[in-house]
Amino acid sequence: MLTEDGDAEAALRFEDAAVAMAERLGDELASIGARNNRACTLRQLGRLDEAYEAFSLLLPEVLATDV
């Protein structure tokens, strides 16, 4: 929602927190979803190298869990 409002930097901060929380809880699917959202936000911010790296790290987990 924050990216739709034009505040992608704030969205990125919330996504970082969501990733950390999912990892603390051991929730693999939530972690994958939050990291995917984070990668999308990086892309929207024009931080393409970071987005590419984030998606590259995420893809094997997506394929392994059949998300």
C-alpha atoms as a PDB file:
ATOM      1  CA  MET A   1       0.000   0.000   0.000  1.00  0.00           C
ATOM      2  CA  LEU A   2       2.801   2.407   0.776  1.00  0.00           C
ATOM      3  CA  THR A   3       4.295   1.950  -2.670  1.00  0.00           C
ATOM      4  CA  GLU A   4       0.906   2.809  -4.171  1.00  0.00           C
ATOM      5  CA  ASP A   5       0.967   6.009  -2.118  1.00  0.00           C
ATOM      6  CA  GLY A   6       4.402   6.811  -3.518  1.00  0.00           C
ATOM      7  CA  ASP A   7       6.362   6.125  -0.333  1.00  0.00           C
ATOM      8  CA  ALA A   8       8.507   3.232  -1.485  1.00  0.00           C
ATOM      9  CA  GLU A   9      11.250   4.030   1.043  1.00  0.00           C
ATOM     10  CA  ALA A  10       8.752   3.581   3.897  1.00  0.00           C
ATOM     11  CA  ALA A  11       7.486   0.390   2.285  1.00  0.00           C
ATOM     12  CA  LEU A  12      11.045  -0.914   2.167  1.00  0.00           C
ATOM     13  CA  ARG A  13      11.468  -0.283   5.897  1.00  0.00           C
ATOM     14  CA  PHE A  14       8.251  -2.175   6.669  1.00  0.00           C
ATOM     15  CA  GLU A  15       9.305  -5.027   4.383  1.00  0.00           C
ATOM     16  CA  ASP A  16      12.666  -5.256   6.155  1.00  0.00           C
ATOM     17  CA  ALA A  17      10.784  -5.561   9.444  1.00  0.00           C
ATOM     18  CA  ALA A  18       8.431  -8.171   7.961  1.00  0.00           C
ATOM     19  CA  VAL A  19      11.381 -10.247   6.742  1.00  0.00           C
ATOM     20  CA  ALA A  20      13.030 -10.091  10.160  1.00  0.00           C
ATOM     21  CA  MET A  21       9.801 -11.057  11.920  1.00  0.00           C
ATOM     22  CA  ALA A  22       9.099 -13.985   9.588  1.00  0.00           C
ATOM     23  CA  GLU A  23      12.625 -15.272  10.071  1.00  0.00           C
ATOM     24  CA  ARG A  24      12.378 -14.948  13.871  1.00  0.00           C
ATOM     25  CA  LEU A  25       9.142 -16.929  13.772  1.00  0.00           C
ATOM     26  CA  GLY A  26      10.572 -19.513  11.405  1.00  0.00           C
ATOM     27  CA  ASP A  27       7.751 -18.893   8.908  1.00  0.00           C
ATOM     28  CA  GLU A  28       9.315 -19.811   5.573  1.00  0.00           C
ATOM     29  CA  LEU A  29       6.345 -18.830   3.410  1.00  0.00           C
ATOM     30  CA  ALA A  30       5.971 -15.444   5.098  1.00  0.00           C
ATOM     31  CA  SER A  31       9.696 -14.871   4.675  1.00  0.00           C
ATOM     32  CA  ILE A  32       9.527 -15.685   0.970  1.00  0.00           C
ATOM     33  CA  GLY A  33       6.545 -13.370   0.505  1.00  0.00           C
ATOM     34  CA  ALA A  34       8.142 -10.499   2.404  1.00  0.00           C
ATOM     35  CA  ARG A  35      11.443 -10.865   0.557  1.00  0.00           C
ATOM     36  CA  ASN A  36       9.599 -10.958  -2.771  1.00  0.00           C
ATOM     37  CA  ASN A  37       7.753  -7.759  -1.845  1.00  0.00           C
ATOM     38  CA  ARG A  38      11.057  -6.192  -0.816  1.00  0.00           C
ATOM     39  CA  ALA A  39      12.659  -7.123  -4.148  1.00  0.00           C
ATOM     40  CA  CYS A  40       9.703  -5.612  -6.017  1.00  0.00           C
ATOM     41  CA  THR A  41      10.038  -2.398  -4.028  1.00  0.00           C
ATOM     42  CA  LEU A  42      13.760  -2.213  -4.777  1.00  0.00           C
ATOM     43  CA  ARG A  43      12.888  -2.509  -8.462  1.00  0.00           C
ATOM     44  CA  GLN A  44      10.323   0.274  -8.156  1.00  0.00           C
ATOM     45  CA  LEU A  45      12.972   2.452  -6.515  1.00  0.00           C
ATOM     46  CA  GLY A  46      15.251   1.888  -9.493  1.00  0.00           C
ATOM     47  CA  ARG A  47      17.731  -0.081  -7.393  1.00  0.00           C
ATOM     48  CA  LEU A  48      17.940  -2.712 -10.084  1.00  0.00           C
ATOM     49  CA  ASP A  49      21.179  -4.419  -9.052  1.00  0.00           C
ATOM     50  CA  GLU A  50      19.833  -4.937  -5.524  1.00  0.00           C
ATOM     51  CA  ALA A  51      16.484  -6.127  -6.863  1.00  0.00           C
ATOM     52  CA  TYR A  52      18.174  -8.579  -9.216  1.00  0.00           C
ATOM     53  CA  GLU A  53      20.296  -9.991  -6.396  1.00  0.00           C
ATOM     54  CA  ALA A  54      17.259 -10.290  -4.098  1.00  0.00           C
ATOM     55  CA  PHE A  55      15.224 -12.097  -6.770  1.00  0.00           C
ATOM     56  CA  SER A  56      18.203 -14.344  -7.614  1.00  0.00           C
ATOM     57  CA  LEU A  57      18.542 -15.425  -3.985  1.00  0.00           C
ATOM     58  CA  LEU A  58      14.809 -15.945  -3.671  1.00  0.00           C
ATOM     59  CA  LEU A  59      14.152 -18.016  -6.796  1.00  0.00           C
ATOM     60  CA  PRO A  60      15.641 -21.335  -5.576  1.00  0.00           C
ATOM     61  CA  GLU A  61      13.497 -21.153  -2.424  1.00  0.00           C
ATOM     62  CA  VAL A  62      10.373 -20.364  -4.439  1.00  0.00           C
ATOM     63  CA  LEU A  63      10.997 -23.339  -6.692  1.00  0.00           C
ATOM     64  CA  ALA A  64      11.807 -25.640  -3.768  1.00  0.00           C
ATOM     65  CA  THR A  65       8.670 -24.748  -1.828  1.00  0.00           C
ATOM     66  CA  ASP A  66       6.411 -24.556  -4.905  1.00  0.00           C
ATOM     67  CA  VAL A  67       5.004 -21.189  -3.813  1.00  0.00           C
END
